[in-house]
N, C-alpha and C. Protein backbone atom coordinates (compact mmCIF):
# COMPACT_ATOMS: atom_id res chain seq x y z
N MET A 1 -11.18 -0.90 3.54
CA MET A 1 -10.82 0.20 4.44
C MET A 1 -11.30 -0.04 5.77
N THR A 2 -12.45 -0.66 5.92
CA THR A 2 -13.05 -0.85 7.34
C THR A 2 -12.33 -2.03 8.00
N TYR A 3 -11.92 -3.04 7.22
CA TYR A 3 -11.34 -4.18 7.85
C TYR A 3 -9.86 -3.99 8.10
N LYS A 4 -9.15 -3.41 7.12
CA LYS A 4 -7.74 -3.12 7.36
C LYS A 4 -7.50 -1.67 6.86
N PRO A 5 -7.80 -0.73 7.71
CA PRO A 5 -7.80 0.68 7.33
C PRO A 5 -6.38 1.15 6.93
N HIS A 6 -5.37 0.57 7.44
CA HIS A 6 -4.04 1.02 6.98
C HIS A 6 -3.67 0.72 5.51
N LEU A 7 -4.44 -0.13 4.90
CA LEU A 7 -4.31 -0.45 3.53
C LEU A 7 -5.13 0.43 2.66
N GLY A 8 -6.04 1.25 3.25
CA GLY A 8 -6.96 2.08 2.46
C GLY A 8 -6.58 3.51 2.58
N ILE A 9 -5.39 3.85 3.06
CA ILE A 9 -5.00 5.22 3.26
C ILE A 9 -5.15 6.11 1.94
N LEU A 10 -4.78 5.43 0.78
CA LEU A 10 -4.73 6.20 -0.49
C LEU A 10 -6.01 6.15 -1.22
N VAL A 11 -7.02 5.34 -0.83
CA VAL A 11 -8.21 5.21 -1.62
C VAL A 11 -9.00 6.57 -1.68
N PRO A 12 -9.24 7.23 -0.52
CA PRO A 12 -9.93 8.54 -0.62
C PRO A 12 -9.17 9.48 -1.50
N ILE A 13 -7.89 9.51 -1.47
CA ILE A 13 -7.11 10.42 -2.31
C ILE A 13 -7.35 10.15 -3.77
N ALA A 14 -7.32 8.86 -4.10
CA ALA A 14 -7.62 8.52 -5.55
C ALA A 14 -9.04 8.94 -5.96
N LEU A 15 -10.04 8.65 -5.13
CA LEU A 15 -11.41 8.99 -5.50
C LEU A 15 -11.60 10.48 -5.65
N ILE A 16 -11.00 11.26 -4.69
CA ILE A 16 -11.12 12.71 -4.78
C ILE A 16 -10.42 13.25 -5.99
N ALA A 17 -9.25 12.76 -6.26
CA ALA A 17 -8.43 13.26 -7.45
C ALA A 17 -9.23 12.93 -8.75
N ALA A 18 -9.92 11.83 -8.79
CA ALA A 18 -10.69 11.49 -10.02
C ALA A 18 -12.07 12.03 -9.98
N ARG A 19 -12.44 12.74 -8.93
CA ARG A 19 -13.73 13.37 -8.79
C ARG A 19 -14.86 12.30 -8.88
N GLN A 20 -14.59 11.18 -8.28
CA GLN A 20 -15.55 10.07 -8.22
C GLN A 20 -16.38 10.22 -6.97
N TRP A 21 -17.25 11.28 -6.96
CA TRP A 21 -18.01 11.63 -5.81
C TRP A 21 -18.97 10.52 -5.39
N LYS A 22 -19.63 9.89 -6.35
CA LYS A 22 -20.61 8.86 -6.09
C LYS A 22 -19.91 7.67 -5.43
N ALA A 23 -18.74 7.22 -5.91
CA ALA A 23 -17.98 6.15 -5.35
C ALA A 23 -17.53 6.56 -3.90
N PHE A 24 -17.08 7.77 -3.71
CA PHE A 24 -16.65 8.37 -2.47
C PHE A 24 -17.81 8.26 -1.44
N ALA A 25 -18.95 8.69 -1.85
CA ALA A 25 -20.15 8.69 -1.01
C ALA A 25 -20.63 7.29 -0.69
N ALA A 26 -20.53 6.41 -1.68
CA ALA A 26 -20.98 4.98 -1.41
C ALA A 26 -19.99 4.35 -0.45
N ALA A 27 -18.64 4.55 -0.64
CA ALA A 27 -17.67 4.04 0.29
C ALA A 27 -17.89 4.50 1.75
N THR A 28 -18.22 5.84 1.87
CA THR A 28 -18.41 6.34 3.14
C THR A 28 -19.66 5.84 3.84
N ALA A 29 -20.76 5.75 3.04
CA ALA A 29 -21.97 5.16 3.56
C ALA A 29 -21.80 3.74 3.99
N THR A 30 -21.11 2.96 3.15
CA THR A 30 -20.84 1.53 3.46
C THR A 30 -20.07 1.40 4.76
N SER A 31 -19.02 2.24 4.97
CA SER A 31 -18.22 2.19 6.16
C SER A 31 -19.03 2.55 7.40
N LEU A 32 -19.94 3.61 7.23
CA LEU A 32 -20.76 3.99 8.37
C LEU A 32 -21.76 2.87 8.73
N ILE A 33 -22.35 2.18 7.70
CA ILE A 33 -23.26 1.13 7.90
C ILE A 33 -22.63 -0.05 8.66
N LEU A 34 -21.40 -0.47 8.16
CA LEU A 34 -20.69 -1.48 8.86
C LEU A 34 -20.33 -1.17 10.23
N ALA A 35 -19.94 0.13 10.48
CA ALA A 35 -19.60 0.55 11.83
C ALA A 35 -20.87 0.48 12.69
N GLY A 36 -21.96 0.86 12.16
CA GLY A 36 -23.31 0.80 12.93
C GLY A 36 -23.67 -0.63 13.28
N ILE A 37 -23.46 -1.57 12.35
CA ILE A 37 -23.77 -2.93 12.57
C ILE A 37 -22.84 -3.50 13.69
N ALA A 38 -21.55 -3.16 13.63
CA ALA A 38 -20.63 -3.63 14.64
C ALA A 38 -20.95 -3.03 16.02
N THR A 39 -21.46 -1.73 16.01
CA THR A 39 -21.84 -1.19 17.31
C THR A 39 -23.04 -1.87 17.88
N ILE A 40 -24.05 -2.19 17.04
CA ILE A 40 -25.25 -2.82 17.49
C ILE A 40 -24.92 -4.23 17.98
N TRP A 41 -24.06 -4.93 17.22
CA TRP A 41 -23.80 -6.31 17.56
C TRP A 41 -22.93 -6.51 18.76
N PHE A 42 -21.81 -5.66 18.84
CA PHE A 42 -20.86 -5.89 19.90
C PHE A 42 -20.90 -4.82 21.03
N GLY A 43 -21.66 -3.70 20.78
CA GLY A 43 -21.75 -2.67 21.87
C GLY A 43 -20.78 -1.54 21.54
N ALA A 44 -21.21 -0.35 22.09
CA ALA A 44 -20.47 0.85 21.78
C ALA A 44 -19.06 0.77 22.40
N GLU A 45 -18.84 -0.10 23.37
CA GLU A 45 -17.51 -0.08 24.05
C GLU A 45 -16.41 -0.60 23.13
N VAL A 46 -16.78 -1.16 21.94
CA VAL A 46 -15.68 -1.65 21.07
C VAL A 46 -14.86 -0.47 20.54
N TRP A 47 -15.50 0.71 20.36
CA TRP A 47 -14.73 1.88 19.79
C TRP A 47 -13.64 2.42 20.69
N PRO A 48 -14.01 2.69 21.99
CA PRO A 48 -12.95 3.13 22.88
C PRO A 48 -11.84 2.04 23.02
N ALA A 49 -12.21 0.81 23.03
CA ALA A 49 -11.26 -0.36 23.03
C ALA A 49 -10.38 -0.31 21.83
N PHE A 50 -10.96 -0.09 20.65
CA PHE A 50 -10.18 -0.04 19.36
C PHE A 50 -9.17 1.15 19.43
N ILE A 51 -9.62 2.28 19.82
CA ILE A 51 -8.75 3.49 19.90
C ILE A 51 -7.63 3.26 20.92
N ALA A 52 -7.98 2.64 22.04
CA ALA A 52 -6.92 2.38 23.04
C ALA A 52 -5.89 1.39 22.61
N SER A 53 -6.32 0.49 21.74
CA SER A 53 -5.37 -0.57 21.22
C SER A 53 -4.38 -0.08 20.22
N ILE A 54 -4.63 1.14 19.56
CA ILE A 54 -3.75 1.63 18.56
C ILE A 54 -2.30 1.93 19.12
N PRO A 55 -2.23 2.70 20.14
CA PRO A 55 -0.81 2.96 20.64
C PRO A 55 -0.20 1.72 21.26
N GLN A 56 -1.04 0.81 21.76
CA GLN A 56 -0.48 -0.41 22.24
C GLN A 56 0.18 -1.23 21.13
N ALA A 57 -0.56 -1.34 19.97
CA ALA A 57 -0.04 -2.04 18.87
C ALA A 57 1.25 -1.37 18.29
N MET A 58 1.23 -0.10 18.25
CA MET A 58 2.41 0.63 17.78
C MET A 58 3.56 0.45 18.73
N GLY A 59 3.29 0.36 20.04
CA GLY A 59 4.31 0.12 21.00
C GLY A 59 4.98 -1.27 20.87
N HIS A 60 4.21 -2.27 20.37
CA HIS A 60 4.73 -3.56 20.22
C HIS A 60 5.86 -3.48 19.13
N VAL A 61 5.59 -2.70 18.04
CA VAL A 61 6.57 -2.59 17.02
C VAL A 61 7.80 -1.79 17.49
N ASP A 62 7.50 -0.60 18.08
CA ASP A 62 8.58 0.31 18.52
C ASP A 62 9.51 -0.31 19.58
N SER A 63 8.92 -1.11 20.42
CA SER A 63 9.68 -1.69 21.50
C SER A 63 10.42 -2.97 21.08
N GLY A 64 10.15 -3.49 19.83
CA GLY A 64 10.83 -4.73 19.39
C GLY A 64 10.05 -5.92 19.77
N LEU A 65 8.87 -5.88 20.44
CA LEU A 65 8.09 -7.00 20.77
C LEU A 65 7.66 -7.75 19.47
N LEU A 66 7.28 -6.92 18.44
CA LEU A 66 7.02 -7.51 17.22
C LEU A 66 8.30 -7.26 16.33
N PRO A 67 8.99 -8.40 15.92
CA PRO A 67 10.29 -8.17 15.30
C PRO A 67 10.16 -7.41 13.92
N ASP A 68 11.19 -6.59 13.65
CA ASP A 68 11.11 -5.83 12.36
C ASP A 68 11.03 -6.69 11.17
N TRP A 69 11.56 -7.92 11.25
CA TRP A 69 11.59 -8.72 10.03
C TRP A 69 10.21 -9.22 9.66
N LYS A 70 9.24 -9.11 10.55
CA LYS A 70 7.91 -9.52 10.18
C LYS A 70 7.17 -8.40 9.46
N THR A 71 7.67 -7.14 9.43
CA THR A 71 7.03 -6.00 8.88
C THR A 71 7.81 -5.66 7.55
N GLN A 72 6.99 -5.36 6.51
CA GLN A 72 7.61 -5.00 5.17
C GLN A 72 7.18 -3.62 4.88
N SER A 73 7.92 -2.58 5.30
CA SER A 73 7.58 -1.24 5.07
C SER A 73 8.88 -0.40 5.07
N PHE A 74 8.79 0.86 4.65
CA PHE A 74 9.99 1.70 4.63
C PHE A 74 10.37 1.98 6.10
N PHE A 75 9.34 2.01 6.97
CA PHE A 75 9.62 2.18 8.41
C PHE A 75 10.47 1.00 8.87
N ALA A 76 10.04 -0.21 8.57
CA ALA A 76 10.76 -1.42 9.02
C ALA A 76 12.16 -1.40 8.47
N ALA A 77 12.29 -0.98 7.17
CA ALA A 77 13.57 -1.00 6.44
C ALA A 77 14.53 0.00 7.21
N ALA A 78 14.00 1.10 7.59
CA ALA A 78 14.84 2.08 8.31
C ALA A 78 15.28 1.61 9.66
N ARG A 79 14.34 0.98 10.34
CA ARG A 79 14.62 0.39 11.65
C ARG A 79 15.67 -0.71 11.51
N MET A 80 15.54 -1.59 10.47
CA MET A 80 16.48 -2.66 10.25
C MET A 80 17.89 -2.08 9.97
N ALA A 81 17.91 -0.90 9.34
CA ALA A 81 19.18 -0.23 9.06
C ALA A 81 19.81 0.45 10.21
N GLY A 82 19.07 0.46 11.37
CA GLY A 82 19.60 0.98 12.59
C GLY A 82 19.18 2.39 12.87
N LEU A 83 18.32 2.97 12.13
CA LEU A 83 17.84 4.29 12.42
C LEU A 83 16.92 4.30 13.63
N PRO A 84 16.96 5.43 14.43
CA PRO A 84 16.08 5.51 15.61
C PRO A 84 14.60 5.65 15.16
N ILE A 85 13.69 5.46 16.11
CA ILE A 85 12.27 5.48 15.72
C ILE A 85 11.81 6.78 15.03
N GLY A 86 12.27 7.87 15.60
CA GLY A 86 11.82 9.20 14.97
C GLY A 86 12.22 9.27 13.54
N LEU A 87 13.43 8.96 13.26
CA LEU A 87 13.92 9.08 11.80
C LEU A 87 13.25 8.01 10.92
N ALA A 88 13.03 6.83 11.47
CA ALA A 88 12.25 5.79 10.73
C ALA A 88 10.85 6.26 10.43
N GLN A 89 10.23 6.86 11.35
CA GLN A 89 8.84 7.41 11.11
C GLN A 89 8.91 8.51 10.05
N ALA A 90 10.00 9.31 10.10
CA ALA A 90 10.10 10.43 9.12
C ALA A 90 10.30 9.80 7.70
N VAL A 91 11.03 8.76 7.57
CA VAL A 91 11.25 8.11 6.26
C VAL A 91 9.92 7.57 5.74
N GLN A 92 9.11 6.91 6.61
CA GLN A 92 7.85 6.46 6.23
C GLN A 92 6.89 7.63 5.84
N ALA A 93 6.94 8.70 6.59
CA ALA A 93 6.11 9.87 6.31
C ALA A 93 6.42 10.42 4.90
N VAL A 94 7.70 10.57 4.62
CA VAL A 94 8.10 11.08 3.22
C VAL A 94 7.58 10.07 2.14
N ALA A 95 7.68 8.81 2.44
CA ALA A 95 7.19 7.80 1.45
C ALA A 95 5.70 7.99 1.22
N MET A 96 4.99 8.20 2.30
CA MET A 96 3.52 8.31 2.27
C MET A 96 3.08 9.57 1.45
N VAL A 97 3.82 10.66 1.69
CA VAL A 97 3.52 11.87 0.95
C VAL A 97 3.80 11.70 -0.54
N LEU A 98 4.89 11.13 -0.87
CA LEU A 98 5.25 10.91 -2.25
C LEU A 98 4.25 9.96 -3.00
N LEU A 99 3.86 8.89 -2.27
CA LEU A 99 2.88 7.99 -2.82
C LEU A 99 1.49 8.62 -2.98
N ALA A 100 1.15 9.46 -2.04
CA ALA A 100 -0.16 10.16 -2.19
C ALA A 100 -0.12 11.09 -3.36
N GLY A 101 0.96 11.79 -3.53
CA GLY A 101 1.14 12.65 -4.70
C GLY A 101 1.03 11.93 -5.98
N LEU A 102 1.69 10.73 -6.04
CA LEU A 102 1.66 10.00 -7.26
C LEU A 102 0.32 9.46 -7.60
N VAL A 103 -0.40 8.93 -6.58
CA VAL A 103 -1.80 8.39 -6.81
C VAL A 103 -2.70 9.57 -7.17
N ALA A 104 -2.59 10.75 -6.58
CA ALA A 104 -3.43 11.88 -6.94
C ALA A 104 -3.17 12.31 -8.44
N TRP A 105 -1.84 12.33 -8.72
CA TRP A 105 -1.52 12.73 -10.13
C TRP A 105 -2.09 11.79 -11.19
N VAL A 106 -1.89 10.50 -10.95
CA VAL A 106 -2.32 9.48 -11.91
C VAL A 106 -3.86 9.42 -12.07
N TRP A 107 -4.55 9.49 -10.91
CA TRP A 107 -6.00 9.41 -10.91
C TRP A 107 -6.70 10.65 -11.40
N SER A 108 -5.93 11.76 -11.49
CA SER A 108 -6.57 12.94 -12.02
C SER A 108 -6.27 13.17 -13.51
N ARG A 109 -5.62 12.16 -14.12
CA ARG A 109 -5.26 12.30 -15.51
C ARG A 109 -6.06 11.31 -16.31
N PRO A 110 -6.19 11.51 -17.69
CA PRO A 110 -6.87 10.62 -18.51
C PRO A 110 -6.07 9.37 -18.86
N VAL A 111 -5.85 8.48 -17.90
CA VAL A 111 -5.03 7.30 -18.04
C VAL A 111 -5.90 6.08 -18.03
N ALA A 112 -5.50 5.02 -18.71
CA ALA A 112 -6.22 3.77 -18.66
C ALA A 112 -6.55 3.33 -17.26
N TRP A 113 -7.80 2.78 -17.08
CA TRP A 113 -8.29 2.48 -15.80
C TRP A 113 -7.43 1.33 -15.16
N ARG A 114 -6.91 0.47 -15.96
CA ARG A 114 -6.06 -0.60 -15.42
C ARG A 114 -4.86 -0.06 -14.73
N LEU A 115 -4.21 0.97 -15.39
CA LEU A 115 -3.00 1.58 -14.78
C LEU A 115 -3.30 2.30 -13.57
N LYS A 116 -4.49 3.00 -13.50
CA LYS A 116 -4.87 3.65 -12.20
C LYS A 116 -4.98 2.70 -11.10
N ALA A 117 -5.72 1.52 -11.40
CA ALA A 117 -5.96 0.57 -10.36
C ALA A 117 -4.60 -0.10 -9.93
N ALA A 118 -3.71 -0.31 -10.94
CA ALA A 118 -2.42 -0.95 -10.64
C ALA A 118 -1.60 -0.09 -9.72
N ILE A 119 -1.52 1.20 -9.99
CA ILE A 119 -0.65 2.08 -9.20
C ILE A 119 -1.28 2.32 -7.83
N LEU A 120 -2.58 2.39 -7.69
CA LEU A 120 -3.21 2.48 -6.41
C LEU A 120 -2.92 1.24 -5.51
N LEU A 121 -3.09 0.07 -6.10
CA LEU A 121 -2.92 -1.18 -5.36
C LEU A 121 -1.49 -1.59 -5.07
N LEU A 122 -0.58 -1.12 -5.96
CA LEU A 122 0.89 -1.35 -5.73
C LEU A 122 1.37 -0.36 -4.68
N ALA A 123 0.80 0.82 -4.61
CA ALA A 123 1.22 1.82 -3.59
C ALA A 123 0.63 1.57 -2.23
N ALA A 124 -0.54 0.95 -2.20
CA ALA A 124 -1.31 0.80 -0.92
C ALA A 124 -0.42 0.18 0.25
N PRO A 125 0.21 -1.00 0.08
CA PRO A 125 0.91 -1.59 1.10
C PRO A 125 2.13 -0.81 1.59
N ILE A 126 2.84 -0.09 0.68
CA ILE A 126 4.05 0.57 1.04
C ILE A 126 3.77 1.98 1.62
N ALA A 127 2.51 2.36 1.53
CA ALA A 127 2.10 3.61 2.19
C ALA A 127 1.80 3.32 3.71
N ALA A 128 1.63 2.08 4.05
CA ALA A 128 1.29 1.71 5.42
C ALA A 128 2.55 1.43 6.27
N PRO A 129 2.72 2.05 7.38
CA PRO A 129 4.03 1.89 8.15
C PRO A 129 4.13 0.49 8.80
N TYR A 130 3.03 -0.16 9.05
CA TYR A 130 3.07 -1.43 9.73
C TYR A 130 2.55 -2.69 8.83
N ALA A 131 2.73 -2.55 7.49
CA ALA A 131 2.26 -3.59 6.61
C ALA A 131 3.06 -4.88 6.84
N MET A 132 2.40 -5.98 6.99
CA MET A 132 3.08 -7.28 7.13
C MET A 132 3.25 -7.87 5.72
N ASP A 133 4.02 -8.87 5.59
CA ASP A 133 4.27 -9.55 4.25
C ASP A 133 2.96 -10.04 3.72
N TYR A 134 2.07 -10.55 4.56
CA TYR A 134 0.81 -11.08 4.01
C TYR A 134 -0.15 -10.02 3.58
N ASP A 135 0.14 -8.75 4.03
CA ASP A 135 -0.72 -7.61 3.54
C ASP A 135 -0.44 -7.36 2.03
N TYR A 136 0.65 -7.79 1.54
CA TYR A 136 1.02 -7.55 0.20
C TYR A 136 0.21 -8.31 -0.83
N ALA A 137 -0.73 -9.11 -0.33
CA ALA A 137 -1.66 -9.76 -1.27
C ALA A 137 -2.40 -8.78 -2.12
N VAL A 138 -2.69 -7.57 -1.54
CA VAL A 138 -3.37 -6.54 -2.27
C VAL A 138 -2.57 -6.11 -3.49
N ALA A 139 -1.23 -6.18 -3.33
CA ALA A 139 -0.32 -5.83 -4.49
C ALA A 139 -0.44 -6.80 -5.59
N ALA A 140 -0.80 -8.08 -5.33
CA ALA A 140 -0.98 -9.07 -6.31
C ALA A 140 -2.13 -8.68 -7.25
N VAL A 141 -3.12 -8.08 -6.76
CA VAL A 141 -4.28 -7.57 -7.59
C VAL A 141 -3.79 -6.41 -8.51
N GLY A 142 -2.96 -5.52 -7.93
CA GLY A 142 -2.36 -4.44 -8.68
C GLY A 142 -1.49 -5.04 -9.80
N LEU A 143 -0.72 -6.05 -9.46
CA LEU A 143 0.17 -6.70 -10.47
C LEU A 143 -0.69 -7.28 -11.63
N ALA A 144 -1.88 -7.83 -11.29
CA ALA A 144 -2.73 -8.39 -12.33
C ALA A 144 -3.26 -7.24 -13.21
N PHE A 145 -3.60 -6.17 -12.61
CA PHE A 145 -4.00 -5.01 -13.51
C PHE A 145 -2.91 -4.55 -14.39
N TRP A 146 -1.74 -4.45 -13.85
CA TRP A 146 -0.58 -4.05 -14.64
C TRP A 146 -0.29 -5.01 -15.78
N ALA A 147 -0.36 -6.36 -15.43
CA ALA A 147 -0.11 -7.30 -16.54
C ALA A 147 -1.25 -7.24 -17.50
N GLY A 148 -2.53 -7.05 -17.11
CA GLY A 148 -3.61 -6.92 -18.12
C GLY A 148 -3.44 -5.78 -19.03
N HIS A 149 -2.90 -4.62 -18.53
CA HIS A 149 -2.60 -3.46 -19.38
C HIS A 149 -1.55 -3.85 -20.36
N GLY A 150 -0.52 -4.63 -19.92
CA GLY A 150 0.51 -5.05 -20.87
C GLY A 150 0.04 -6.02 -21.87
N LEU A 151 -0.86 -6.87 -21.54
CA LEU A 151 -1.38 -7.86 -22.55
C LEU A 151 -2.18 -7.05 -23.55
N GLU A 152 -2.86 -6.06 -23.21
CA GLU A 152 -3.70 -5.25 -24.17
C GLU A 152 -2.89 -4.34 -25.01
N ARG A 153 -1.83 -3.70 -24.41
CA ARG A 153 -1.10 -2.65 -25.20
C ARG A 153 0.28 -3.13 -25.56
N GLY A 154 0.75 -4.24 -25.06
CA GLY A 154 2.19 -4.77 -25.31
C GLY A 154 3.03 -4.35 -24.12
N PHE A 155 4.04 -5.20 -23.82
CA PHE A 155 4.89 -4.93 -22.74
C PHE A 155 6.06 -4.16 -23.11
N LEU A 156 6.52 -3.33 -22.14
CA LEU A 156 7.75 -2.44 -22.35
C LEU A 156 8.93 -3.39 -21.94
N THR A 157 10.14 -2.81 -22.18
CA THR A 157 11.34 -3.55 -21.92
C THR A 157 11.43 -3.82 -20.42
N HIS A 158 11.81 -5.07 -20.05
CA HIS A 158 12.02 -5.59 -18.72
C HIS A 158 10.77 -5.67 -17.84
N GLU A 159 9.60 -5.34 -18.43
CA GLU A 159 8.40 -5.36 -17.61
C GLU A 159 8.03 -6.79 -17.16
N LYS A 160 8.02 -7.73 -18.11
CA LYS A 160 7.63 -9.11 -17.75
C LYS A 160 8.59 -9.72 -16.76
N THR A 161 9.91 -9.51 -16.91
CA THR A 161 10.84 -10.01 -16.00
C THR A 161 10.63 -9.44 -14.56
N TYR A 162 10.38 -8.17 -14.51
CA TYR A 162 10.13 -7.51 -13.22
C TYR A 162 8.89 -8.05 -12.59
N MET A 163 7.82 -8.22 -13.36
CA MET A 163 6.57 -8.72 -12.86
C MET A 163 6.76 -10.13 -12.31
N GLY A 164 7.60 -11.01 -12.94
CA GLY A 164 7.89 -12.35 -12.44
C GLY A 164 8.58 -12.24 -11.12
N VAL A 165 9.56 -11.40 -10.98
CA VAL A 165 10.28 -11.30 -9.76
C VAL A 165 9.31 -10.83 -8.64
N LEU A 166 8.52 -9.81 -8.94
CA LEU A 166 7.60 -9.23 -8.00
C LEU A 166 6.57 -10.22 -7.55
N TRP A 167 6.16 -11.03 -8.39
CA TRP A 167 5.14 -12.10 -8.12
C TRP A 167 5.73 -13.13 -7.17
N ALA A 168 6.98 -13.54 -7.37
CA ALA A 168 7.58 -14.65 -6.59
C ALA A 168 8.18 -14.18 -5.28
N PHE A 169 8.68 -12.95 -5.23
CA PHE A 169 9.60 -12.63 -4.08
C PHE A 169 8.86 -12.53 -2.73
N PRO A 170 7.56 -12.28 -2.58
CA PRO A 170 6.95 -12.28 -1.32
C PRO A 170 7.14 -13.63 -0.62
N LEU A 171 7.41 -14.67 -1.30
CA LEU A 171 7.64 -16.00 -0.64
C LEU A 171 8.89 -16.04 0.20
N PHE A 172 9.82 -15.20 -0.20
CA PHE A 172 11.12 -15.14 0.44
C PHE A 172 11.39 -13.88 1.24
N ALA A 173 10.42 -12.93 1.21
CA ALA A 173 10.70 -11.67 1.83
C ALA A 173 11.00 -11.70 3.32
N ARG A 174 10.22 -12.54 4.06
CA ARG A 174 10.45 -12.64 5.54
C ARG A 174 11.83 -13.27 5.83
N PHE A 175 12.25 -14.19 5.03
CA PHE A 175 13.53 -14.85 5.22
C PHE A 175 14.68 -13.88 4.96
N ALA A 176 14.49 -13.04 3.88
CA ALA A 176 15.48 -12.03 3.51
C ALA A 176 15.65 -11.04 4.69
N ALA A 177 14.48 -10.67 5.26
CA ALA A 177 14.53 -9.64 6.37
C ALA A 177 15.16 -10.31 7.63
N ARG A 178 14.81 -11.53 7.92
CA ARG A 178 15.24 -12.11 9.13
C ARG A 178 16.72 -12.56 9.10
N PHE A 179 17.17 -13.09 7.99
CA PHE A 179 18.54 -13.61 7.96
C PHE A 179 19.54 -12.74 7.19
N ALA A 180 19.09 -11.95 6.27
CA ALA A 180 19.99 -11.06 5.52
C ALA A 180 19.86 -9.59 6.01
N HIS A 181 18.87 -9.34 6.89
CA HIS A 181 18.61 -8.05 7.44
C HIS A 181 18.26 -7.00 6.35
N VAL A 182 17.51 -7.51 5.35
CA VAL A 182 17.11 -6.60 4.27
C VAL A 182 15.61 -6.73 4.10
N VAL A 183 14.93 -5.56 3.99
CA VAL A 183 13.50 -5.54 3.87
C VAL A 183 13.23 -5.22 2.36
N PRO A 184 12.93 -6.21 1.61
CA PRO A 184 12.94 -6.04 0.16
C PRO A 184 11.62 -5.57 -0.51
N LEU A 185 10.47 -5.90 0.06
CA LEU A 185 9.24 -5.62 -0.62
C LEU A 185 8.91 -4.17 -0.91
N PRO A 186 9.07 -3.25 0.04
CA PRO A 186 8.75 -1.87 -0.29
C PRO A 186 9.61 -1.34 -1.41
N TRP A 187 10.87 -1.75 -1.48
CA TRP A 187 11.80 -1.26 -2.61
C TRP A 187 11.33 -1.84 -3.93
N LEU A 188 10.94 -3.20 -3.89
CA LEU A 188 10.49 -3.81 -5.13
C LEU A 188 9.21 -3.18 -5.69
N LEU A 189 8.29 -2.82 -4.77
CA LEU A 189 7.09 -2.20 -5.21
C LEU A 189 7.35 -0.73 -5.72
N ALA A 190 8.34 -0.09 -5.08
CA ALA A 190 8.66 1.32 -5.48
C ALA A 190 9.25 1.16 -6.95
N GLY A 191 10.04 0.16 -7.27
CA GLY A 191 10.54 -0.01 -8.52
C GLY A 191 9.43 -0.35 -9.57
N ALA A 192 8.48 -1.16 -9.10
CA ALA A 192 7.30 -1.39 -9.98
C ALA A 192 6.52 -0.14 -10.27
N LEU A 193 6.38 0.69 -9.31
CA LEU A 193 5.62 1.99 -9.53
C LEU A 193 6.40 2.87 -10.51
N LEU A 194 7.70 2.86 -10.46
CA LEU A 194 8.52 3.61 -11.44
C LEU A 194 8.29 3.05 -12.86
N LEU A 195 8.25 1.70 -13.05
CA LEU A 195 7.99 1.15 -14.32
C LEU A 195 6.53 1.46 -14.76
N ALA A 196 5.67 1.43 -13.81
CA ALA A 196 4.24 1.81 -14.21
C ALA A 196 4.07 3.17 -14.60
N VAL A 197 4.84 4.13 -14.00
CA VAL A 197 4.76 5.54 -14.42
C VAL A 197 5.27 5.63 -15.88
N ARG A 198 6.18 4.81 -16.32
CA ARG A 198 6.51 4.90 -17.76
C ARG A 198 5.28 4.62 -18.63
N ARG A 199 4.48 3.66 -18.16
CA ARG A 199 3.20 3.47 -18.84
C ARG A 199 2.26 4.62 -18.88
N VAL A 200 2.18 5.26 -17.71
CA VAL A 200 1.31 6.43 -17.62
C VAL A 200 1.81 7.45 -18.59
N ARG A 201 3.05 7.78 -18.68
CA ARG A 201 3.56 8.77 -19.57
C ARG A 201 3.26 8.38 -21.02
N GLU A 202 3.39 7.11 -21.32
CA GLU A 202 3.06 6.63 -22.65
C GLU A 202 1.60 6.85 -22.99
N ASP A 203 0.71 6.58 -21.97
CA ASP A 203 -0.69 6.80 -22.16
C ASP A 203 -1.02 8.30 -22.39
N LEU A 204 -0.35 9.17 -21.66
CA LEU A 204 -0.60 10.63 -21.78
C LEU A 204 -0.13 11.25 -23.13
N ARG A 205 0.90 10.52 -23.66
CA ARG A 205 1.35 11.05 -24.99
C ARG A 205 0.47 10.63 -26.13
N ARG A 206 -0.41 9.66 -25.87
CA ARG A 206 -1.25 9.21 -26.97
C ARG A 206 -2.46 10.19 -27.23
């Protein structure tokens, strides 16, 4: 969360929903310590510079300086479809709210820990409006948790096939966006989350 905060948006929600107060406190303390070290090492002026750089970075995307095909998010998909910036931001906001609700629901229930980790890590990159294709490496860890749960409990119909597609497709995602004008990764991860929810319901019925 301190290195790539846009990928950690859902982590506090998960910890609060699970009432993991010690983990929440430890994460907060660690972030403050790292921020303190950065301040001592580089000087306090890094923080105003960081805050000033945020709208500049967003402007690069909104103005087209950073091409949409380099970004894999619902925001980028909406922009690629020709929606104006305001509507594209609204699409991303709706996705973030739905993902936050899903993570809170799963982490507040007596569900296998591998499933909780899988859903959090699969949701993390698509909750971020400016996630690049290389940011989806975090989803690979979620995919590993999901596969581990399947190896332990048995795989449901179509799960292994979908996992194989999800594992391989990031290699082609940028090309699909650039040449076919399709942003595939957020939709693929949304499908993975729907399949993972089947697992959650199965766990809750036991």
